Amino acid sequence: MLEGGPDALLDHEIIEFLLGLFILRRDTKPIARKLIEDFGGFGALLSADADAIKRTADLSESAAGAIKIVQAATLRLLQSRFKDAPVLGSWQALLDYLRADMAFNPVERVRVLYLNAKNMLIRNVAMSEGSVDEAAVYVREVIRLALEYHATAMILVHNHPSGDPSPSQQDIRLTREIIDAGRPLRIAVHDHVIIGSRGHASLRAMGLI
């Protein structure tokens, strides 16, 4: 890897190397292959709950933590690409981050990005996490935090664990409720982005808001 760069290693070889730091005198290749296969891919493994990773391959907390630290480092790197720049001008960087964070999550998660008047990121808030098909979002709480952070705009984000990012009628209705609640306070909703393993959907680009 040091000579050939990140592409020199296959997905399972990265996991194999990490596990080898904590599992001594044991071949970690079959464990790495099993983890990736059982969770449905490299991204899905990194996004999996640490306890689920431990149970699947009977791993120690340290070994499972090594896998999760890869996800944490990846997200930190991707977020740095738009953290200190106008978010709307760094749209692809934002989408790359959101996909890495949410596309393979097995339950629905809602995230709100609060922006200032220059569209710079103020806060990136994980609002709620729910079941495989629903996470509760409270309009009042979304607006309350916007006021607390002195935000003038926001971007709503959530994932569809099914993989299909197509917006539901509930997604559209909730977005419009938040827009209506923020309008008299001069808090804009720039977009509502839905992330799935098969892509993403932008309600703004689709003309739904």
N, C-alpha and C. Protein backbone atom coordinates (compact mmCIF):
# COMPACT_ATOMS: atom_id res chain seq x y z
N MET A 1 0.83 -1.20 0.00
CA MET A 1 0.00 0.00 0.00
C MET A 1 0.87 1.25 0.00
N LEU A 2 1.95 1.24 0.76
CA LEU A 2 2.82 2.40 0.81
C LEU A 2 3.44 2.71 -0.55
N GLU A 3 3.68 1.69 -1.34
CA GLU A 3 4.26 1.89 -2.66
C GLU A 3 3.20 2.15 -3.72
N GLY A 4 2.07 1.45 -3.63
CA GLY A 4 1.07 1.52 -4.69
C GLY A 4 -0.12 2.41 -4.39
N GLY A 5 -0.23 2.93 -3.15
CA GLY A 5 -1.35 3.78 -2.80
C GLY A 5 -2.57 2.96 -2.39
N PRO A 6 -3.67 3.64 -2.05
CA PRO A 6 -4.87 2.95 -1.55
C PRO A 6 -5.43 1.90 -2.50
N ASP A 7 -5.30 2.13 -3.81
CA ASP A 7 -5.86 1.19 -4.77
C ASP A 7 -5.08 -0.12 -4.84
N ALA A 8 -3.95 -0.18 -4.16
CA ALA A 8 -3.15 -1.41 -4.19
C ALA A 8 -3.77 -2.52 -3.36
N LEU A 9 -4.72 -2.16 -2.48
CA LEU A 9 -5.37 -3.15 -1.62
C LEU A 9 -6.81 -3.36 -2.03
N LEU A 10 -7.24 -4.62 -2.01
CA LEU A 10 -8.65 -4.94 -2.19
C LEU A 10 -9.41 -4.62 -0.91
N ASP A 11 -10.73 -4.58 -1.01
CA ASP A 11 -11.55 -4.24 0.16
C ASP A 11 -11.26 -5.17 1.33
N HIS A 12 -11.28 -6.47 1.06
CA HIS A 12 -11.09 -7.41 2.17
C HIS A 12 -9.68 -7.35 2.73
N GLU A 13 -8.71 -6.91 1.92
CA GLU A 13 -7.34 -6.81 2.41
C GLU A 13 -7.19 -5.67 3.41
N ILE A 14 -7.95 -4.60 3.21
CA ILE A 14 -7.93 -3.50 4.18
C ILE A 14 -8.45 -3.99 5.53
N ILE A 15 -9.58 -4.69 5.51
CA ILE A 15 -10.16 -5.21 6.75
C ILE A 15 -9.24 -6.27 7.35
N GLU A 16 -8.67 -7.10 6.50
CA GLU A 16 -7.75 -8.14 6.97
C GLU A 16 -6.56 -7.52 7.72
N PHE A 17 -6.02 -6.45 7.19
CA PHE A 17 -4.89 -5.78 7.82
C PHE A 17 -5.30 -5.20 9.18
N LEU A 18 -6.44 -4.54 9.23
CA LEU A 18 -6.90 -3.96 10.48
C LEU A 18 -7.09 -5.03 11.56
N LEU A 19 -7.74 -6.12 11.18
CA LEU A 19 -8.00 -7.19 12.15
C LEU A 19 -6.70 -7.83 12.62
N GLY A 20 -5.71 -7.87 11.73
CA GLY A 20 -4.43 -8.47 12.08
C GLY A 20 -3.70 -7.73 13.19
N LEU A 21 -4.06 -6.47 13.39
CA LEU A 21 -3.44 -5.69 14.47
C LEU A 21 -3.95 -6.13 15.83
N PHE A 22 -5.12 -6.78 15.85
CA PHE A 22 -5.74 -7.14 17.13
C PHE A 22 -5.94 -8.65 17.29
N ILE A 23 -5.91 -9.38 16.19
CA ILE A 23 -6.07 -10.84 16.27
C ILE A 23 -4.73 -11.46 15.88
N LEU A 24 -3.99 -11.92 16.85
CA LEU A 24 -2.64 -12.41 16.62
C LEU A 24 -2.65 -13.93 16.38
N ARG A 25 -1.68 -14.35 15.59
CA ARG A 25 -1.47 -15.78 15.31
C ARG A 25 -2.73 -16.45 14.76
N ARG A 26 -3.43 -15.73 13.88
CA ARG A 26 -4.64 -16.29 13.26
C ARG A 26 -4.82 -15.64 11.90
N ASP A 27 -5.21 -16.43 10.93
CA ASP A 27 -5.44 -15.91 9.58
C ASP A 27 -6.71 -15.07 9.58
N THR A 28 -6.58 -13.78 9.31
CA THR A 28 -7.74 -12.89 9.36
C THR A 28 -8.42 -12.71 8.01
N LYS A 29 -7.87 -13.32 6.96
CA LYS A 29 -8.48 -13.17 5.64
C LYS A 29 -9.90 -13.72 5.60
N PRO A 30 -10.15 -14.96 6.06
CA PRO A 30 -11.53 -15.47 6.01
C PRO A 30 -12.49 -14.65 6.88
N ILE A 31 -12.00 -14.10 7.97
CA ILE A 31 -12.86 -13.25 8.81
C ILE A 31 -13.24 -11.99 8.05
N ALA A 32 -12.27 -11.38 7.39
CA ALA A 32 -12.53 -10.16 6.62
C ALA A 32 -13.52 -10.43 5.50
N ARG A 33 -13.32 -11.54 4.80
CA ARG A 33 -14.23 -11.88 3.70
C ARG A 33 -15.65 -12.13 4.22
N LYS A 34 -15.76 -12.81 5.36
CA LYS A 34 -17.07 -13.10 5.94
C LYS A 34 -17.79 -11.81 6.33
N LEU A 35 -17.07 -10.88 6.93
CA LEU A 35 -17.68 -9.62 7.36
C LEU A 35 -18.24 -8.85 6.17
N ILE A 36 -17.44 -8.75 5.13
CA ILE A 36 -17.88 -8.00 3.95
C ILE A 36 -19.07 -8.70 3.28
N GLU A 37 -19.02 -10.02 3.22
CA GLU A 37 -20.12 -10.76 2.61
C GLU A 37 -21.39 -10.66 3.45
N ASP A 38 -21.28 -10.85 4.75
CA ASP A 38 -22.45 -10.85 5.61
C ASP A 38 -23.14 -9.48 5.67
N PHE A 39 -22.35 -8.42 5.62
CA PHE A 39 -22.95 -7.09 5.69
C PHE A 39 -23.31 -6.53 4.32
N GLY A 40 -22.89 -7.20 3.26
CA GLY A 40 -23.31 -6.78 1.93
C GLY A 40 -22.40 -5.80 1.24
N GLY A 41 -21.13 -5.74 1.66
CA GLY A 41 -20.19 -4.86 0.98
C GLY A 41 -19.33 -4.08 1.95
N PHE A 42 -18.30 -3.45 1.41
CA PHE A 42 -17.33 -2.72 2.23
C PHE A 42 -17.99 -1.53 2.92
N GLY A 43 -18.76 -0.73 2.16
CA GLY A 43 -19.42 0.44 2.74
C GLY A 43 -20.42 0.05 3.81
N ALA A 44 -21.17 -1.00 3.56
CA ALA A 44 -22.16 -1.44 4.53
C ALA A 44 -21.49 -1.93 5.81
N LEU A 45 -20.35 -2.57 5.69
CA LEU A 45 -19.61 -3.02 6.87
C LEU A 45 -19.14 -1.83 7.71
N LEU A 46 -18.56 -0.84 7.07
CA LEU A 46 -18.09 0.33 7.81
C LEU A 46 -19.24 1.05 8.50
N SER A 47 -20.41 1.03 7.90
CA SER A 47 -21.57 1.73 8.45
C SER A 47 -22.31 0.93 9.51
N ALA A 48 -21.96 -0.33 9.65
CA ALA A 48 -22.68 -1.20 10.58
C ALA A 48 -22.42 -0.82 12.03
N ASP A 49 -23.37 -1.17 12.88
CA ASP A 49 -23.22 -0.96 14.31
C ASP A 49 -22.08 -1.81 14.84
N ALA A 50 -21.29 -1.24 15.76
CA ALA A 50 -20.12 -1.95 16.28
C ALA A 50 -20.51 -3.27 16.94
N ASP A 51 -21.62 -3.28 17.66
CA ASP A 51 -22.06 -4.51 18.31
C ASP A 51 -22.41 -5.59 17.29
N ALA A 52 -23.00 -5.17 16.17
CA ALA A 52 -23.33 -6.13 15.12
C ALA A 52 -22.06 -6.70 14.50
N ILE A 53 -21.05 -5.88 14.33
CA ILE A 53 -19.77 -6.35 13.80
C ILE A 53 -19.15 -7.37 14.75
N LYS A 54 -19.18 -7.07 16.04
CA LYS A 54 -18.62 -7.99 17.04
C LYS A 54 -19.33 -9.33 17.01
N ARG A 55 -20.66 -9.29 16.94
CA ARG A 55 -21.43 -10.53 16.98
C ARG A 55 -21.20 -11.38 15.74
N THR A 56 -21.13 -10.73 14.60
CA THR A 56 -21.04 -11.46 13.33
C THR A 56 -19.80 -12.32 13.23
N ALA A 57 -18.68 -11.81 13.73
CA ALA A 57 -17.42 -12.56 13.60
C ALA A 57 -16.77 -12.85 14.95
N ASP A 58 -17.55 -12.68 16.02
CA ASP A 58 -17.04 -12.93 17.37
C ASP A 58 -15.74 -12.16 17.61
N LEU A 59 -15.80 -10.85 17.37
CA LEU A 59 -14.62 -10.00 17.50
C LEU A 59 -14.58 -9.31 18.85
N SER A 60 -13.40 -8.89 19.25
CA SER A 60 -13.25 -8.08 20.45
C SER A 60 -13.73 -6.66 20.17
N GLU A 61 -13.92 -5.91 21.23
CA GLU A 61 -14.34 -4.52 21.06
C GLU A 61 -13.27 -3.72 20.32
N SER A 62 -12.01 -4.01 20.59
CA SER A 62 -10.92 -3.29 19.92
C SER A 62 -10.90 -3.57 18.42
N ALA A 63 -11.12 -4.81 18.04
CA ALA A 63 -11.11 -5.17 16.62
C ALA A 63 -12.27 -4.51 15.89
N ALA A 64 -13.46 -4.54 16.50
CA ALA A 64 -14.61 -3.87 15.89
C ALA A 64 -14.38 -2.36 15.83
N GLY A 65 -13.76 -1.82 16.88
CA GLY A 65 -13.47 -0.39 16.91
C GLY A 65 -12.50 0.03 15.81
N ALA A 66 -11.58 -0.85 15.45
CA ALA A 66 -10.65 -0.53 14.37
C ALA A 66 -11.38 -0.33 13.05
N ILE A 67 -12.42 -1.14 12.81
CA ILE A 67 -13.21 -0.97 11.59
C ILE A 67 -13.98 0.34 11.64
N LYS A 68 -14.56 0.66 12.79
CA LYS A 68 -15.33 1.89 12.91
C LYS A 68 -14.44 3.13 12.80
N ILE A 69 -13.19 3.03 13.21
CA ILE A 69 -12.31 4.20 13.13
C ILE A 69 -12.00 4.54 11.68
N VAL A 70 -12.04 3.53 10.80
CA VAL A 70 -11.86 3.79 9.37
C VAL A 70 -13.02 4.65 8.86
N GLN A 71 -14.25 4.30 9.27
CA GLN A 71 -15.39 5.12 8.88
C GLN A 71 -15.26 6.53 9.42
N ALA A 72 -14.88 6.66 10.69
CA ALA A 72 -14.75 7.99 11.30
C ALA A 72 -13.72 8.84 10.56
N ALA A 73 -12.59 8.25 10.22
CA ALA A 73 -11.54 8.98 9.50
C ALA A 73 -12.01 9.38 8.11
N THR A 74 -12.72 8.47 7.44
CA THR A 74 -13.25 8.77 6.11
C THR A 74 -14.21 9.94 6.15
N LEU A 75 -15.14 9.92 7.10
CA LEU A 75 -16.12 11.00 7.21
C LEU A 75 -15.45 12.32 7.56
N ARG A 76 -14.46 12.28 8.43
CA ARG A 76 -13.76 13.51 8.80
C ARG A 76 -13.05 14.12 7.58
N LEU A 77 -12.44 13.26 6.77
CA LEU A 77 -11.76 13.73 5.56
C LEU A 77 -12.75 14.33 4.58
N LEU A 78 -13.86 13.63 4.34
CA LEU A 78 -14.84 14.12 3.37
C LEU A 78 -15.50 15.41 3.84
N GLN A 79 -15.76 15.52 5.14
CA GLN A 79 -16.39 16.74 5.66
C GLN A 79 -15.46 17.94 5.53
N SER A 80 -14.16 17.70 5.60
CA SER A 80 -13.20 18.81 5.51
C SER A 80 -13.24 19.49 4.15
N ARG A 81 -13.76 18.81 3.13
CA ARG A 81 -13.80 19.36 1.77
C ARG A 81 -14.85 20.46 1.62
N PHE A 82 -15.83 20.53 2.54
CA PHE A 82 -16.83 21.60 2.43
C PHE A 82 -17.01 22.35 3.75
N LYS A 83 -16.29 21.96 4.77
CA LYS A 83 -16.49 22.55 6.10
C LYS A 83 -16.19 24.04 6.12
N ASP A 84 -15.15 24.47 5.42
CA ASP A 84 -14.73 25.88 5.45
C ASP A 84 -14.96 26.57 4.12
N ALA A 85 -15.98 26.13 3.39
CA ALA A 85 -16.32 26.73 2.10
C ALA A 85 -17.84 26.80 2.00
N PRO A 86 -18.36 27.71 1.15
CA PRO A 86 -19.82 27.75 0.97
C PRO A 86 -20.33 26.39 0.52
N VAL A 87 -21.28 25.86 1.26
CA VAL A 87 -21.74 24.49 1.02
C VAL A 87 -22.35 24.33 -0.37
N LEU A 88 -23.12 25.34 -0.81
CA LEU A 88 -23.78 25.23 -2.12
C LEU A 88 -22.76 25.22 -3.25
N GLY A 89 -21.58 25.77 -3.00
CA GLY A 89 -20.53 25.75 -4.01
C GLY A 89 -19.66 24.51 -3.93
N SER A 90 -19.94 23.66 -2.96
CA SER A 90 -19.17 22.42 -2.77
C SER A 90 -20.14 21.24 -2.76
N TRP A 91 -21.11 21.28 -3.68
CA TRP A 91 -22.22 20.33 -3.63
C TRP A 91 -21.78 18.89 -3.79
N GLN A 92 -20.88 18.62 -4.71
CA GLN A 92 -20.43 17.24 -4.91
C GLN A 92 -19.69 16.73 -3.69
N ALA A 93 -18.88 17.60 -3.08
CA ALA A 93 -18.18 17.20 -1.86
C ALA A 93 -19.17 16.86 -0.76
N LEU A 94 -20.25 17.63 -0.66
CA LEU A 94 -21.28 17.36 0.33
C LEU A 94 -21.95 16.01 0.05
N LEU A 95 -22.28 15.75 -1.20
CA LEU A 95 -22.92 14.49 -1.56
C LEU A 95 -22.01 13.30 -1.27
N ASP A 96 -20.73 13.45 -1.52
CA ASP A 96 -19.78 12.37 -1.23
C ASP A 96 -19.78 12.05 0.26
N TYR A 97 -19.79 13.10 1.06
CA TYR A 97 -19.82 12.91 2.52
C TYR A 97 -21.12 12.24 2.96
N LEU A 98 -22.24 12.72 2.45
CA LEU A 98 -23.54 12.18 2.86
C LEU A 98 -23.68 10.72 2.44
N ARG A 99 -23.18 10.39 1.27
CA ARG A 99 -23.26 9.00 0.82
C ARG A 99 -22.43 8.10 1.74
N ALA A 100 -21.21 8.54 2.07
CA ALA A 100 -20.37 7.73 2.95
C ALA A 100 -20.99 7.58 4.33
N ASP A 101 -21.67 8.61 4.79
CA ASP A 101 -22.24 8.60 6.13
C ASP A 101 -23.56 7.84 6.21
N MET A 102 -24.39 7.92 5.16
CA MET A 102 -25.78 7.49 5.31
C MET A 102 -26.26 6.43 4.32
N ALA A 103 -25.58 6.25 3.22
CA ALA A 103 -26.13 5.39 2.15
C ALA A 103 -26.32 3.95 2.59
N PHE A 104 -25.46 3.47 3.48
CA PHE A 104 -25.53 2.05 3.85
C PHE A 104 -26.04 1.84 5.27
N ASN A 105 -26.56 2.89 5.87
CA ASN A 105 -27.08 2.75 7.23
C ASN A 105 -28.32 1.86 7.21
N PRO A 106 -28.39 0.87 8.09
CA PRO A 106 -29.52 -0.06 8.05
C PRO A 106 -30.82 0.51 8.60
N VAL A 107 -30.76 1.65 9.27
CA VAL A 107 -31.98 2.31 9.76
C VAL A 107 -32.01 3.74 9.23
N GLU A 108 -33.21 4.32 9.24
CA GLU A 108 -33.36 5.67 8.71
C GLU A 108 -32.81 6.70 9.69
N ARG A 109 -32.04 7.62 9.17
CA ARG A 109 -31.41 8.66 9.99
C ARG A 109 -31.69 10.01 9.34
N VAL A 110 -31.93 11.01 10.17
CA VAL A 110 -32.19 12.37 9.67
C VAL A 110 -31.06 13.28 10.12
N ARG A 111 -30.57 14.09 9.19
CA ARG A 111 -29.49 15.02 9.48
C ARG A 111 -29.89 16.40 8.95
N VAL A 112 -29.57 17.46 9.70
CA VAL A 112 -29.85 18.82 9.26
C VAL A 112 -28.54 19.60 9.27
N LEU A 113 -28.23 20.22 8.13
CA LEU A 113 -27.06 21.08 8.02
C LEU A 113 -27.53 22.52 8.13
N TYR A 114 -27.10 23.21 9.18
CA TYR A 114 -27.48 24.61 9.40
C TYR A 114 -26.41 25.52 8.84
N LEU A 115 -26.84 26.54 8.08
CA LEU A 115 -25.92 27.42 7.37
C LEU A 115 -26.12 28.86 7.80
N ASN A 116 -25.05 29.67 7.64
CA ASN A 116 -25.17 31.10 7.91
C ASN A 116 -25.52 31.85 6.63
N ALA A 117 -25.49 33.17 6.69
CA ALA A 117 -25.91 33.98 5.55
C ALA A 117 -24.99 33.80 4.33
N LYS A 118 -23.77 33.34 4.57
CA LYS A 118 -22.83 33.09 3.47
C LYS A 118 -22.85 31.63 3.03
N ASN A 119 -23.84 30.90 3.52
CA ASN A 119 -23.99 29.47 3.21
C ASN A 119 -22.81 28.63 3.68
N MET A 120 -22.17 29.10 4.75
CA MET A 120 -21.12 28.33 5.40
C MET A 120 -21.77 27.45 6.47
N LEU A 121 -21.22 26.28 6.65
CA LEU A 121 -21.77 25.33 7.62
C LEU A 121 -21.55 25.83 9.05
N ILE A 122 -22.64 25.91 9.81
CA ILE A 122 -22.56 26.25 11.23
C ILE A 122 -22.58 24.99 12.07
N ARG A 123 -23.57 24.16 11.84
CA ARG A 123 -23.71 22.90 12.59
C ARG A 123 -24.22 21.80 11.67
N ASN A 124 -23.72 20.62 11.90
CA ASN A 124 -24.15 19.42 11.19
C ASN A 124 -24.77 18.51 12.25
N VAL A 125 -26.08 18.47 12.30
CA VAL A 125 -26.78 17.86 13.43
C VAL A 125 -27.48 16.56 13.01
N ALA A 126 -27.16 15.48 13.71
CA ALA A 126 -27.92 14.23 13.54
C ALA A 126 -29.17 14.36 14.39
N MET A 127 -30.31 14.57 13.74
CA MET A 127 -31.55 14.89 14.45
C MET A 127 -32.19 13.67 15.08
N SER A 128 -32.25 12.59 14.34
CA SER A 128 -32.94 11.41 14.88
C SER A 128 -32.54 10.17 14.11
N GLU A 129 -32.79 9.03 14.74
CA GLU A 129 -32.54 7.74 14.13
C GLU A 129 -33.71 6.85 14.47
N GLY A 130 -34.21 6.10 13.49
CA GLY A 130 -35.42 5.35 13.73
C GLY A 130 -35.33 3.90 13.34
N SER A 131 -36.38 3.41 12.72
CA SER A 131 -36.47 2.01 12.32
C SER A 131 -35.93 1.86 10.90
N VAL A 132 -36.18 0.71 10.31
CA VAL A 132 -35.69 0.48 8.95
C VAL A 132 -36.40 1.34 7.93
N ASP A 133 -37.53 1.94 8.29
CA ASP A 133 -38.25 2.73 7.29
C ASP A 133 -38.82 4.04 7.82
N GLU A 134 -38.47 4.43 9.05
CA GLU A 134 -39.04 5.68 9.54
C GLU A 134 -38.21 6.25 10.69
N ALA A 135 -37.96 7.55 10.63
CA ALA A 135 -37.33 8.28 11.72
C ALA A 135 -38.18 9.52 12.00
N ALA A 136 -38.44 9.77 13.26
CA ALA A 136 -39.31 10.90 13.62
C ALA A 136 -38.56 12.22 13.46
N VAL A 137 -39.22 13.18 12.84
CA VAL A 137 -38.67 14.53 12.70
C VAL A 137 -39.72 15.51 13.20
N TYR A 138 -39.31 16.39 14.08
CA TYR A 138 -40.24 17.34 14.64
C TYR A 138 -39.91 18.73 14.10
N VAL A 139 -40.87 19.32 13.42
CA VAL A 139 -40.67 20.61 12.78
C VAL A 139 -40.22 21.65 13.81
N ARG A 140 -40.87 21.63 14.96
CA ARG A 140 -40.54 22.62 16.00
C ARG A 140 -39.07 22.52 16.42
N GLU A 141 -38.55 21.30 16.55
CA GLU A 141 -37.16 21.11 16.97
C GLU A 141 -36.19 21.57 15.89
N VAL A 142 -36.51 21.31 14.64
CA VAL A 142 -35.66 21.75 13.53
C VAL A 142 -35.56 23.27 13.52
N ILE A 143 -36.69 23.95 13.70
CA ILE A 143 -36.70 25.41 13.70
C ILE A 143 -36.04 25.96 14.97
N ARG A 144 -36.29 25.32 16.11
CA ARG A 144 -35.70 25.79 17.36
C ARG A 144 -34.18 25.81 17.28
N LEU A 145 -33.60 24.75 16.73
CA LEU A 145 -32.15 24.69 16.61
C LEU A 145 -31.64 25.74 15.61
N ALA A 146 -32.39 25.99 14.56
CA ALA A 146 -31.99 27.03 13.60
C ALA A 146 -31.89 28.38 14.30
N LEU A 147 -32.85 28.68 15.17
CA LEU A 147 -32.81 29.93 15.92
C LEU A 147 -31.66 29.93 16.92
N GLU A 148 -31.45 28.82 17.57
CA GLU A 148 -30.37 28.72 18.56
C GLU A 148 -29.01 28.93 17.92
N TYR A 149 -28.82 28.41 16.71
CA TYR A 149 -27.53 28.53 16.02
C TYR A 149 -27.44 29.79 15.16
N HIS A 150 -28.50 30.61 15.17
CA HIS A 150 -28.55 31.83 14.34
C HIS A 150 -28.36 31.49 12.85
N ALA A 151 -28.97 30.39 12.43
CA ALA A 151 -28.87 29.96 11.03
C ALA A 151 -29.87 30.74 10.18
N THR A 152 -29.50 30.99 8.95
CA THR A 152 -30.41 31.63 8.00
C THR A 152 -30.90 30.66 6.93
N ALA A 153 -30.32 29.47 6.93
CA ALA A 153 -30.73 28.46 5.94
C ALA A 153 -30.37 27.08 6.45
N MET A 154 -30.94 26.08 5.81
CA MET A 154 -30.63 24.70 6.19
C MET A 154 -30.78 23.78 5.00
N ILE A 155 -30.15 22.64 5.11
CA ILE A 155 -30.31 21.55 4.14
C ILE A 155 -30.74 20.33 4.94
N LEU A 156 -31.88 19.77 4.57
CA LEU A 156 -32.39 18.57 5.23
C LEU A 156 -31.86 17.34 4.51
N VAL A 157 -31.53 16.32 5.26
CA VAL A 157 -31.00 15.09 4.66
C VAL A 157 -31.56 13.90 5.43
N HIS A 158 -31.95 12.86 4.72
CA HIS A 158 -32.20 11.59 5.38
C HIS A 158 -31.94 10.46 4.39
N ASN A 159 -31.82 9.27 4.92
CA ASN A 159 -31.52 8.12 4.08
C ASN A 159 -32.72 7.19 3.98
N HIS A 160 -32.73 6.42 2.91
CA HIS A 160 -33.71 5.35 2.73
C HIS A 160 -32.97 4.03 2.79
N PRO A 161 -33.10 3.27 3.88
CA PRO A 161 -32.39 1.98 3.98
C PRO A 161 -32.74 1.00 2.87
N SER A 162 -33.87 1.19 2.20
CA SER A 162 -34.24 0.31 1.09
C SER A 162 -33.28 0.45 -0.08
N GLY A 163 -32.55 1.56 -0.12
CA GLY A 163 -31.63 1.83 -1.22
C GLY A 163 -32.20 2.74 -2.28
N ASP A 164 -33.53 2.84 -2.35
CA ASP A 164 -34.21 3.67 -3.34
C ASP A 164 -34.38 5.08 -2.77
N PRO A 165 -33.75 6.10 -3.37
CA PRO A 165 -33.82 7.44 -2.82
C PRO A 165 -35.07 8.23 -3.22
N SER A 166 -35.98 7.62 -3.94
CA SER A 166 -37.17 8.35 -4.40
C SER A 166 -37.94 8.90 -3.21
N PRO A 167 -38.32 10.19 -3.24
CA PRO A 167 -39.04 10.78 -2.11
C PRO A 167 -40.46 10.25 -1.99
N SER A 168 -40.90 10.05 -0.76
CA SER A 168 -42.28 9.66 -0.50
C SER A 168 -43.14 10.90 -0.35
N GLN A 169 -44.45 10.73 -0.34
CA GLN A 169 -45.34 11.86 -0.11
C GLN A 169 -45.10 12.45 1.28
N GLN A 170 -44.78 11.60 2.24
CA GLN A 170 -44.48 12.09 3.59
C GLN A 170 -43.22 12.95 3.59
N ASP A 171 -42.19 12.54 2.82
CA ASP A 171 -40.97 13.34 2.70
C ASP A 171 -41.27 14.73 2.16
N ILE A 172 -42.10 14.78 1.13
CA ILE A 172 -42.44 16.05 0.50
C ILE A 172 -43.27 16.91 1.45
N ARG A 173 -44.24 16.30 2.10
CA ARG A 173 -45.11 17.04 3.02
C ARG A 173 -44.31 17.62 4.20
N LEU A 174 -43.42 16.83 4.77
CA LEU A 174 -42.61 17.30 5.90
C LEU A 174 -41.71 18.45 5.47
N THR A 175 -41.12 18.34 4.31
CA THR A 175 -40.25 19.42 3.81
C THR A 175 -41.02 20.72 3.68
N ARG A 176 -42.20 20.65 3.13
CA ARG A 176 -43.01 21.86 2.95
C ARG A 176 -43.45 22.43 4.29
N GLU A 177 -43.69 21.58 5.29
CA GLU A 177 -44.05 22.07 6.62
C GLU A 177 -42.89 22.84 7.24
N ILE A 178 -41.67 22.33 7.06
CA ILE A 178 -40.50 23.03 7.60
C ILE A 178 -40.26 24.33 6.86
N ILE A 179 -40.46 24.32 5.54
CA ILE A 179 -40.34 25.56 4.75
C ILE A 179 -41.33 26.61 5.24
N ASP A 180 -42.57 26.19 5.45
CA ASP A 180 -43.62 27.13 5.90
C ASP A 180 -43.31 27.66 7.30
N ALA A 181 -42.76 26.80 8.17
CA ALA A 181 -42.44 27.24 9.53
C ALA A 181 -41.26 28.20 9.54
N GLY A 182 -40.31 28.02 8.63
CA GLY A 182 -39.13 28.88 8.61
C GLY A 182 -39.31 30.18 7.87
N ARG A 183 -40.30 30.25 6.96
CA ARG A 183 -40.45 31.43 6.11
C ARG A 183 -40.64 32.73 6.90
N PRO A 184 -41.56 32.80 7.87
CA PRO A 184 -41.72 34.08 8.58
C PRO A 184 -40.51 34.46 9.43
N LEU A 185 -39.64 33.50 9.70
CA LEU A 185 -38.43 33.76 10.48
C LEU A 185 -37.23 34.00 9.57
N ARG A 186 -37.47 34.01 8.27
CA ARG A 186 -36.44 34.22 7.26
C ARG A 186 -35.35 33.14 7.34
N ILE A 187 -35.81 31.93 7.57
CA ILE A 187 -34.92 30.76 7.56
C ILE A 187 -35.30 29.92 6.34
N ALA A 188 -34.39 29.82 5.40
CA ALA A 188 -34.69 29.14 4.13
C ALA A 188 -34.30 27.66 4.20
N VAL A 189 -35.01 26.86 3.43
CA VAL A 189 -34.64 25.46 3.22
C VAL A 189 -34.10 25.35 1.80
N HIS A 190 -32.79 25.19 1.68
CA HIS A 190 -32.19 25.14 0.34
C HIS A 190 -32.55 23.84 -0.39
N ASP A 191 -32.63 22.75 0.36
CA ASP A 191 -32.90 21.47 -0.30
C ASP A 191 -33.22 20.41 0.74
N HIS A 192 -33.81 19.35 0.29
CA HIS A 192 -33.96 18.13 1.08
C HIS A 192 -33.38 17.01 0.22
N VAL A 193 -32.28 16.44 0.69
CA VAL A 193 -31.57 15.41 -0.06
C VAL A 193 -31.85 14.05 0.57
N ILE A 194 -32.23 13.10 -0.26
CA ILE A 194 -32.48 11.74 0.21
C ILE A 194 -31.37 10.84 -0.34
N ILE A 195 -30.74 10.11 0.57
CA ILE A 195 -29.60 9.27 0.21
C ILE A 195 -30.01 7.81 0.24
N GLY A 196 -29.62 7.08 -0.78
CA GLY A 196 -29.83 5.63 -0.81
C GLY A 196 -28.61 4.95 -1.40
N SER A 197 -28.50 3.66 -1.22
CA SER A 197 -27.35 2.95 -1.77
C SER A 197 -27.35 2.97 -3.29
N ARG A 198 -28.50 3.28 -3.89
CA ARG A 198 -28.59 3.34 -5.36
C ARG A 198 -28.57 4.77 -5.90
N GLY A 199 -28.15 5.71 -5.07
CA GLY A 199 -28.03 7.09 -5.53
C GLY A 199 -28.64 8.07 -4.55
N HIS A 200 -28.97 9.25 -5.06
CA HIS A 200 -29.59 10.27 -4.20
C HIS A 200 -30.66 11.01 -4.98
N ALA A 201 -31.53 11.67 -4.24
CA ALA A 201 -32.58 12.49 -4.84
C ALA A 201 -32.57 13.84 -4.17
N SER A 202 -32.70 14.90 -4.96
CA SER A 202 -32.80 16.27 -4.46
C SER A 202 -34.20 16.78 -4.75
N LEU A 203 -34.95 17.12 -3.70
CA LEU A 203 -36.30 17.63 -3.91
C LEU A 203 -36.25 18.94 -4.68
N ARG A 204 -35.22 19.75 -4.48
CA ARG A 204 -35.08 21.01 -5.21
C ARG A 204 -34.89 20.73 -6.69
N ALA A 205 -33.98 19.82 -7.03
CA ALA A 205 -33.71 19.51 -8.42
C ALA A 205 -34.92 18.88 -9.11
N MET A 206 -35.74 18.18 -8.33
CA MET A 206 -36.93 17.52 -8.88
C MET A 206 -38.11 18.48 -8.98
N GLY A 207 -37.94 19.73 -8.53
CA GLY A 207 -39.01 20.71 -8.61
C GLY A 207 -40.12 20.50 -7.60
N LEU A 208 -39.83 19.78 -6.52
CA LEU A 208 -40.85 19.47 -5.53
C LEU A 208 -40.92 20.50 -4.40
N ILE A 209 -39.92 21.37 -4.34
CA ILE A 209 -39.94 22.47 -3.37
C ILE A 209 -39.47 23.75 -4.06
